[in-house]
Amino acid sequence: MLGQAVRRFATSAVRSSHYAEGPGKNLPFSVENRWHLLAKMVLFLGSGFAFPFLVVRHHLLKK
């Protein structure tokens, strides 16, 4: 009984959602401009990659 109510609610919630469909529409950033996306990804991923090297450099230069 409870399972049927949950299933009914889940299917009605999916049907009542009014979100755009398609590739890239459910992302929190735009994928329309590929150069803007490239710059964002380079900054995000590059900062994560460079962080350990910067920390080691800082500790080596510290006296």
C-alpha atoms as a PDB file:
ATOM      1  CA  MET A   1       0.000   0.000   0.000  1.00  0.00           C
ATOM      2  CA  LEU A   2       2.719   2.444   0.973  1.00  0.00           C
ATOM      3  CA  GLY A   3       4.830   1.278  -1.968  1.00  0.00           C
ATOM      4  CA  GLN A   4       2.023   2.066  -4.399  1.00  0.00           C
ATOM      5  CA  ALA A   5       1.593   5.552  -2.944  1.00  0.00           C
ATOM      6  CA  VAL A   6       5.309   6.234  -3.228  1.00  0.00           C
ATOM      7  CA  ARG A   7       5.374   4.946  -6.814  1.00  0.00           C
ATOM      8  CA  ARG A   8       2.345   7.086  -7.747  1.00  0.00           C
ATOM      9  CA  PHE A   9       3.943  10.173  -6.177  1.00  0.00           C
ATOM     10  CA  ALA A  10       7.274   9.561  -7.926  1.00  0.00           C
ATOM     11  CA  THR A  11       5.685   9.173 -11.358  1.00  0.00           C
ATOM     12  CA  SER A  12       3.443  12.215 -10.880  1.00  0.00           C
ATOM     13  CA  ALA A  13       6.450  14.301  -9.726  1.00  0.00           C
ATOM     14  CA  VAL A  14       8.372  13.329 -12.856  1.00  0.00           C
ATOM     15  CA  ARG A  15       5.433  14.108 -15.118  1.00  0.00           C
ATOM     16  CA  SER A  16       4.756  17.472 -13.504  1.00  0.00           C
ATOM     17  CA  SER A  17       8.334  18.711 -13.834  1.00  0.00           C
ATOM     18  CA  HIS A  18       8.707  21.379 -16.514  1.00  0.00           C
ATOM     19  CA  TYR A  19      12.422  21.313 -17.198  1.00  0.00           C
ATOM     20  CA  ALA A  20      13.980  21.574 -20.615  1.00  0.00           C
ATOM     21  CA  GLU A  21      15.217  18.307 -21.996  1.00  0.00           C
ATOM     22  CA  GLY A  22      18.239  17.570 -24.084  1.00  0.00           C
ATOM     23  CA  PRO A  23      21.986  17.267 -23.749  1.00  0.00           C
ATOM     24  CA  GLY A  24      23.507  19.846 -21.430  1.00  0.00           C
ATOM     25  CA  LYS A  25      20.207  21.257 -20.182  1.00  0.00           C
ATOM     26  CA  ASN A  26      20.499  19.743 -16.704  1.00  0.00           C
ATOM     27  CA  LEU A  27      23.999  21.118 -16.017  1.00  0.00           C
ATOM     28  CA  PRO A  28      24.657  24.090 -13.711  1.00  0.00           C
ATOM     29  CA  PHE A  29      26.710  25.790 -16.438  1.00  0.00           C
ATOM     30  CA  SER A  30      26.219  26.553 -20.109  1.00  0.00           C
ATOM     31  CA  VAL A  31      27.803  24.351 -22.758  1.00  0.00           C
ATOM     32  CA  GLU A  32      26.723  26.512 -25.691  1.00  0.00           C
ATOM     33  CA  ASN A  33      29.938  28.554 -25.987  1.00  0.00           C
ATOM     34  CA  ARG A  34      32.779  26.063 -26.256  1.00  0.00           C
ATOM     35  CA  TRP A  35      35.578  28.611 -25.643  1.00  0.00           C
ATOM     36  CA  HIS A  36      33.929  29.905 -22.480  1.00  0.00           C
ATOM     37  CA  LEU A  37      33.468  26.316 -21.286  1.00  0.00           C
ATOM     38  CA  LEU A  38      37.122  25.541 -22.106  1.00  0.00           C
ATOM     39  CA  ALA A  39      38.327  28.531 -20.070  1.00  0.00           C
ATOM     40  CA  LYS A  40      36.168  27.541 -17.088  1.00  0.00           C
ATOM     41  CA  MET A  41      37.335  23.928 -17.207  1.00  0.00           C
ATOM     42  CA  VAL A  42      41.014  24.884 -17.541  1.00  0.00           C
ATOM     43  CA  LEU A  43      40.739  27.209 -14.543  1.00  0.00           C
ATOM     44  CA  PHE A  44      38.827  24.686 -12.429  1.00  0.00           C
ATOM     45  CA  LEU A  45      40.859  21.585 -13.274  1.00  0.00           C
ATOM     46  CA  GLY A  46      44.154  23.464 -13.584  1.00  0.00           C
ATOM     47  CA  SER A  47      43.824  25.011 -10.144  1.00  0.00           C
ATOM     48  CA  GLY A  48      43.206  21.596  -8.613  1.00  0.00           C
ATOM     49  CA  PHE A  49      46.221  20.140 -10.418  1.00  0.00           C
ATOM     50  CA  ALA A  50      48.541  23.067  -9.577  1.00  0.00           C
ATOM     51  CA  PHE A  51      47.619  23.327  -5.885  1.00  0.00           C
ATOM     52  CA  PRO A  52      49.935  20.551  -4.566  1.00  0.00           C
ATOM     53  CA  PHE A  53      52.875  21.921  -6.562  1.00  0.00           C
ATOM     54  CA  LEU A  54      52.290  25.427  -5.222  1.00  0.00           C
ATOM     55  CA  VAL A  55      52.096  24.113  -1.655  1.00  0.00           C
ATOM     56  CA  VAL A  56      55.394  22.219  -2.060  1.00  0.00           C
ATOM     57  CA  ARG A  57      57.049  25.294  -3.591  1.00  0.00           C
ATOM     58  CA  HIS A  58      55.811  27.412  -0.706  1.00  0.00           C
ATOM     59  CA  HIS A  59      57.219  25.005   1.862  1.00  0.00           C
ATOM     60  CA  LEU A  60      60.559  24.723   0.067  1.00  0.00           C
ATOM     61  CA  LEU A  61      60.972  28.498  -0.108  1.00  0.00           C
ATOM     62  CA  LYS A  62      59.949  28.985   3.523  1.00  0.00           C
ATOM     63  CA  LYS A  63      62.834  29.363   5.933  1.00  0.00           C
END
